[in-house]
Amino acid sequence: MRRGRLEERFSLLGKEGRKAFIPYIMCGDPSLEKTGHLVKLLEECGADAIELGVPFSDPLADGPVIQAAGQRALDAGVNLRVSMEFVKKIRMQTDLPLILMTYYNPVFRYGEDAFASGAPAAGVDGVIIPDLPVEEGGPIARSAGRHGLDVVFLAAPTSGDERLKKVARASRGFIYFVSMTGITGAKLDMSEELKASVSKLKLASKKPVMVGFGISTPEEAATVSAMADGVVIGSAIVKAAREMADAELREYLLALRAAIK
């Protein structure tokens, strides 16, 4: 089977001795045109992959910044189907790995098998479903695997050793370690437990370990990337994209990229 874009990107990063920078933006916030512009800007600023949020009415893992972004996207008529159509169009302009972050309800309503085949056909490389625990994700993971779609599962500071191993075995593309128990946008707590958990994941699997939630400054990004294989940054970028002019936003993104050595 041909290697997917995520596997190819992480392989290249490994050869070059670099860490991954994966920014998150909300698809359709405040418009699909703006999202397309941000995808191009993020690629120009050194993103290694982009996480595209799919707006949902009950985003239990999201803090106020991303909740507000999701509501703006919902108001613009964006949903899972529209997000996949957006990826299909933007795929003609970029070969960067694109990962959807969606909740399980939209996938269930779309149909697990239909999503597992339709997403990669549209150009989606991976999916993160934060409210789908690894213990219940087997069916969609198997279906996605048949179609070349990487399902990324989440581990958290509260995950015990056995659960960390389950997440490591089940995840494809990379392993997503949530840096805190809480919602997106909360303040990062750089604890010894965080370092220990990331170390356990790296011992349990050779798959890349990405750390996200609570990272907003270049200094925080540098600290986290020193212990992991890369960094996911969401709320801070969503906020910056809304408040900053393009020149200021570009400067901020380049500073993040430079900090993730």
Protein backbone atom coordinates (compact mmCIF):
# COMPACT_ATOMS: atom_id res chain seq x y z
CA MET A 1 0.00 0.00 0.00
CA ARG A 2 1.22 3.49 -0.91
CA ARG A 3 2.38 5.51 2.06
CA GLY A 4 0.00 8.28 3.05
CA ARG A 5 0.90 11.95 3.19
CA LEU A 6 1.18 11.93 6.98
CA GLU A 7 3.59 8.99 7.01
CA GLU A 8 5.64 10.56 4.24
CA ARG A 9 5.80 13.90 6.03
CA PHE A 10 6.90 12.41 9.35
CA SER A 11 9.45 10.24 7.55
CA LEU A 12 10.93 13.36 5.93
CA LEU A 13 10.96 15.21 9.25
CA GLY A 14 12.75 12.29 10.88
CA LYS A 15 15.42 12.25 8.19
CA GLU A 16 15.92 15.99 8.54
CA GLY A 17 15.91 15.88 12.35
CA ARG A 18 13.02 18.34 12.61
CA LYS A 19 9.86 18.45 14.71
CA ALA A 20 6.35 18.85 13.26
CA PHE A 21 4.23 21.99 13.40
CA ILE A 22 0.51 21.24 13.04
CA PRO A 23 -1.74 24.29 13.30
CA TYR A 24 -5.50 24.01 13.79
CA ILE A 25 -8.10 26.24 12.13
CA MET A 26 -11.88 25.99 11.99
CA CYS A 27 -13.24 25.16 8.55
CA GLY A 28 -15.58 27.94 7.47
CA ASP A 29 -14.61 30.52 10.10
CA PRO A 30 -15.82 33.02 9.12
CA SER A 31 -16.02 31.76 5.53
CA LEU A 32 -14.61 29.01 3.33
CA GLU A 33 -12.79 31.68 1.33
CA LYS A 34 -10.98 32.82 4.48
CA THR A 35 -10.17 29.20 5.37
CA GLY A 36 -8.62 28.65 1.95
CA HIS A 37 -6.51 31.78 2.42
CA LEU A 38 -5.34 30.53 5.84
CA VAL A 39 -4.39 27.10 4.48
CA LYS A 40 -2.09 28.76 1.94
CA LEU A 41 -0.63 31.09 4.57
CA LEU A 42 0.00 28.25 7.01
CA GLU A 43 1.77 26.25 4.33
CA GLU A 44 3.92 29.25 3.42
CA CYS A 45 4.83 29.63 7.11
CA GLY A 46 6.10 26.06 7.43
CA ALA A 47 3.15 23.99 8.63
CA ASP A 48 3.79 20.27 8.23
CA ALA A 49 0.10 19.38 8.26
CA ILE A 50 -3.12 21.25 9.00
CA GLU A 51 -5.88 20.22 11.36
CA LEU A 52 -9.25 21.42 10.07
CA GLY A 53 -11.98 21.67 12.66
CA VAL A 54 -15.47 20.62 11.62
CA PRO A 55 -18.07 22.83 13.34
CA PHE A 56 -20.46 21.05 15.68
CA SER A 57 -23.25 22.27 17.95
CA ASP A 58 -21.96 20.52 21.10
CA PRO A 59 -18.14 20.71 21.05
CA LEU A 60 -17.39 19.28 24.49
CA ALA A 61 -13.58 19.36 24.15
CA ASP A 62 -13.40 22.95 22.91
CA GLY A 63 -12.85 26.11 24.86
CA PRO A 64 -14.53 29.48 24.20
CA VAL A 65 -12.28 30.54 21.30
CA ILE A 66 -12.92 27.43 19.22
CA GLN A 67 -16.56 27.23 20.31
CA ALA A 68 -17.08 30.74 18.94
CA ALA A 69 -15.24 29.85 15.73
CA GLY A 70 -17.43 26.78 15.33
CA GLN A 71 -20.58 28.83 15.80
CA ARG A 72 -19.47 31.30 13.13
CA ALA A 73 -18.83 28.39 10.77
CA LEU A 74 -22.21 26.82 11.56
CA ASP A 75 -23.85 30.18 10.86
CA ALA A 76 -22.08 30.14 7.48
CA GLY A 77 -23.67 26.76 6.70
CA VAL A 78 -20.57 24.60 7.17
CA ASN A 79 -20.87 20.96 8.31
CA LEU A 80 -18.98 17.71 7.78
CA ARG A 81 -20.10 17.28 4.19
CA VAL A 82 -19.24 20.86 3.30
CA SER A 83 -15.85 20.49 5.03
CA MET A 84 -15.05 17.44 2.91
CA GLU A 85 -16.07 19.31 -0.24
CA PHE A 86 -13.77 22.14 0.83
CA VAL A 87 -10.85 19.71 1.19
CA LYS A 88 -11.54 18.33 -2.28
CA LYS A 89 -11.27 21.82 -3.75
CA ILE A 90 -8.24 22.97 -1.73
CA ARG A 91 -6.47 19.67 -2.47
CA MET A 92 -5.89 20.95 -6.03
CA GLN A 93 -3.76 23.73 -4.52
CA THR A 94 -1.78 21.92 -1.82
CA ASP A 95 -0.24 18.54 -1.12
CA LEU A 96 0.04 19.26 2.60
CA PRO A 97 -1.48 16.55 4.86
CA LEU A 98 -4.99 17.62 5.95
CA ILE A 99 -6.62 16.19 9.08
CA LEU A 100 -10.26 16.67 10.03
CA MET A 101 -11.09 17.12 13.70
CA THR A 102 -14.74 16.25 14.16
CA TYR A 103 -17.02 14.84 16.81
CA TYR A 104 -18.55 11.40 16.50
CA ASN A 105 -22.16 12.52 15.96
CA PRO A 106 -21.52 14.05 12.50
CA VAL A 107 -19.60 10.92 11.47
CA PHE A 108 -22.40 8.68 12.76
CA ARG A 109 -25.01 10.67 10.85
CA TYR A 110 -22.88 10.63 7.71
CA GLY A 111 -22.30 6.89 8.09
CA GLU A 112 -19.03 5.42 9.37
CA ASP A 113 -18.26 3.43 6.21
CA ALA A 114 -19.35 6.25 3.91
CA PHE A 115 -17.11 8.67 5.81
CA ALA A 116 -14.17 6.23 5.92
CA SER A 117 -14.26 5.94 2.14
CA GLY A 118 -15.47 9.42 1.23
CA ALA A 119 -12.98 11.41 3.31
CA PRO A 120 -9.82 10.03 1.67
CA ALA A 121 -11.50 10.22 -1.73
CA ALA A 122 -11.92 13.95 -1.08
CA GLY A 123 -8.24 14.28 -0.12
CA VAL A 124 -8.49 14.00 3.67
CA ASP A 125 -5.47 12.23 5.17
CA GLY A 126 -6.53 11.71 8.77
CA VAL A 127 -9.30 12.22 11.28
CA ILE A 128 -9.35 13.00 14.99
CA ILE A 129 -12.60 12.28 16.88
CA PRO A 130 -12.05 13.53 20.44
CA ASP A 131 -15.22 12.01 21.89
CA LEU A 132 -14.56 8.55 20.43
CA PRO A 133 -12.49 6.55 22.94
CA VAL A 134 -10.03 4.02 21.60
CA GLU A 135 -12.04 1.21 23.22
CA GLU A 136 -14.99 2.01 20.93
CA GLY A 137 -13.11 3.11 17.83
CA GLY A 138 -12.25 -0.29 16.36
CA PRO A 139 -14.96 -0.46 13.66
CA ILE A 140 -14.27 2.95 12.15
CA ALA A 141 -10.50 2.46 12.46
CA ARG A 142 -10.71 -0.81 10.51
CA SER A 143 -12.95 0.71 7.86
CA ALA A 144 -10.70 3.76 7.56
CA GLY A 145 -7.62 1.55 7.31
CA ARG A 146 -9.06 -0.20 4.26
CA HIS A 147 -9.36 3.16 2.51
CA GLY A 148 -6.07 4.72 3.59
CA LEU A 149 -7.53 7.16 6.14
CA ASP A 150 -5.48 7.56 9.32
CA VAL A 151 -7.51 7.61 12.54
CA VAL A 152 -5.65 9.42 15.31
CA PHE A 153 -6.65 8.60 18.89
CA LEU A 154 -6.05 10.79 21.93
CA ALA A 155 -4.22 10.05 25.15
CA ALA A 156 -4.33 12.29 28.22
CA PRO A 157 -2.46 12.81 31.49
CA THR A 158 -5.10 10.65 33.20
CA SER A 159 -4.46 7.70 30.85
CA GLY A 160 -2.95 4.71 32.62
CA ASP A 161 -0.11 2.66 31.18
CA GLU A 162 -2.40 0.08 29.56
CA ARG A 163 -4.55 2.74 27.93
CA LEU A 164 -1.47 4.54 26.62
CA LYS A 165 -0.44 1.26 24.98
CA LYS A 166 -3.92 0.83 23.45
CA VAL A 167 -3.83 4.33 22.00
CA ALA A 168 -0.32 3.77 20.67
CA ARG A 169 -1.35 0.54 18.95
CA ALA A 170 -4.59 1.87 17.47
CA SER A 171 -3.47 5.29 16.20
CA ARG A 172 -2.32 5.73 12.63
CA GLY A 173 -0.41 8.72 11.29
CA PHE A 174 0.60 9.88 14.75
CA ILE A 175 -0.45 9.74 18.40
CA TYR A 176 -2.11 12.82 19.86
CA PHE A 177 -1.28 13.50 23.50
CA VAL A 178 -3.56 16.04 25.18
CA SER A 179 -1.34 18.07 27.49
CA MET A 180 -3.98 18.63 30.17
CA THR A 181 -7.31 17.51 31.55
CA GLY A 182 -9.59 20.22 30.29
CA ILE A 183 -10.72 22.06 27.20
CA THR A 184 -8.78 23.65 24.36
CA GLY A 185 -7.33 27.05 25.12
CA ALA A 186 -6.70 26.39 28.81
CA LYS A 187 -3.32 27.35 30.26
CA LEU A 188 -0.52 24.86 29.68
CA ASP A 189 0.91 23.16 32.76
CA MET A 190 4.41 21.91 31.99
CA SER A 191 4.51 19.17 34.61
CA GLU A 192 6.78 16.22 35.13
CA GLU A 193 3.72 14.01 34.59
CA LEU A 194 3.40 15.41 31.07
CA LYS A 195 7.01 14.55 30.28
CA ALA A 196 6.63 11.08 31.81
CA SER A 197 3.50 10.29 29.81
CA VAL A 198 5.05 11.40 26.53
CA SER A 199 8.10 9.27 27.30
CA LYS A 200 5.88 6.24 27.95
CA LEU A 201 4.12 6.73 24.61
CA LYS A 202 7.42 7.00 22.79
CA LEU A 203 8.56 3.78 24.43
CA ALA A 204 5.28 2.03 23.54
CA SER A 205 5.41 2.90 19.84
CA LYS A 206 7.64 4.24 17.10
CA LYS A 207 4.76 6.38 15.83
CA PRO A 208 5.25 10.14 16.18
CA VAL A 209 3.80 11.69 19.34
CA MET A 210 2.23 15.12 18.93
CA VAL A 211 1.28 17.25 21.93
CA GLY A 212 -1.58 19.76 21.85
CA PHE A 213 -3.93 21.85 24.04
CA GLY A 214 -2.77 24.98 25.85
CA ILE A 215 0.22 25.89 23.68
CA SER A 216 0.21 29.49 22.52
CA THR A 217 3.69 31.05 22.58
CA PRO A 218 6.90 30.22 20.74
CA GLU A 219 8.54 29.55 24.12
CA GLU A 220 5.89 26.97 25.05
CA ALA A 221 6.11 25.43 21.60
CA ALA A 222 9.89 25.08 21.96
CA THR A 223 9.59 23.42 25.37
CA VAL A 224 6.95 20.92 24.22
CA SER A 225 8.71 20.08 20.96
CA ALA A 226 11.85 19.19 22.95
CA MET A 227 9.99 16.26 24.53
CA ALA A 228 7.66 15.27 21.67
CA ASP A 229 7.82 14.80 17.90
CA GLY A 230 5.85 17.95 17.29
CA VAL A 231 3.22 20.39 18.44
CA VAL A 232 -0.45 21.05 17.66
CA ILE A 233 -1.54 24.66 18.20
CA GLY A 234 -5.21 25.55 17.92
CA SER A 235 -6.94 28.20 20.02
CA ALA A 236 -4.04 30.65 19.86
CA ILE A 237 -3.92 30.46 16.06
CA VAL A 238 -7.71 30.70 15.69
CA LYS A 239 -7.66 33.82 17.90
CA ALA A 240 -4.68 35.31 16.06
CA ALA A 241 -6.24 34.70 12.65
CA ARG A 242 -9.32 36.62 13.74
CA GLU A 243 -7.55 39.55 15.42
CA MET A 244 -4.33 40.06 13.45
CA ALA A 245 -3.65 41.49 10.04
CA ASP A 246 -1.91 39.13 7.61
CA ALA A 247 1.56 40.61 8.17
CA GLU A 248 1.32 40.27 11.96
CA LEU A 249 -0.18 36.79 11.68
CA ARG A 250 2.61 35.69 9.36
CA GLU A 251 5.21 36.96 11.84
CA TYR A 252 3.54 35.02 14.68
CA LEU A 253 3.32 31.80 12.64
CA LEU A 254 6.95 32.05 11.54
CA ALA A 255 7.99 32.55 15.18
CA LEU A 256 6.11 29.37 16.15
CA ARG A 257 7.72 27.45 13.29
CA ALA A 258 11.18 28.66 14.24
CA ALA A 259 10.66 27.63 17.87
CA ILE A 260 9.68 24.06 16.96
CA LYS A 261 13.18 22.84 16.19
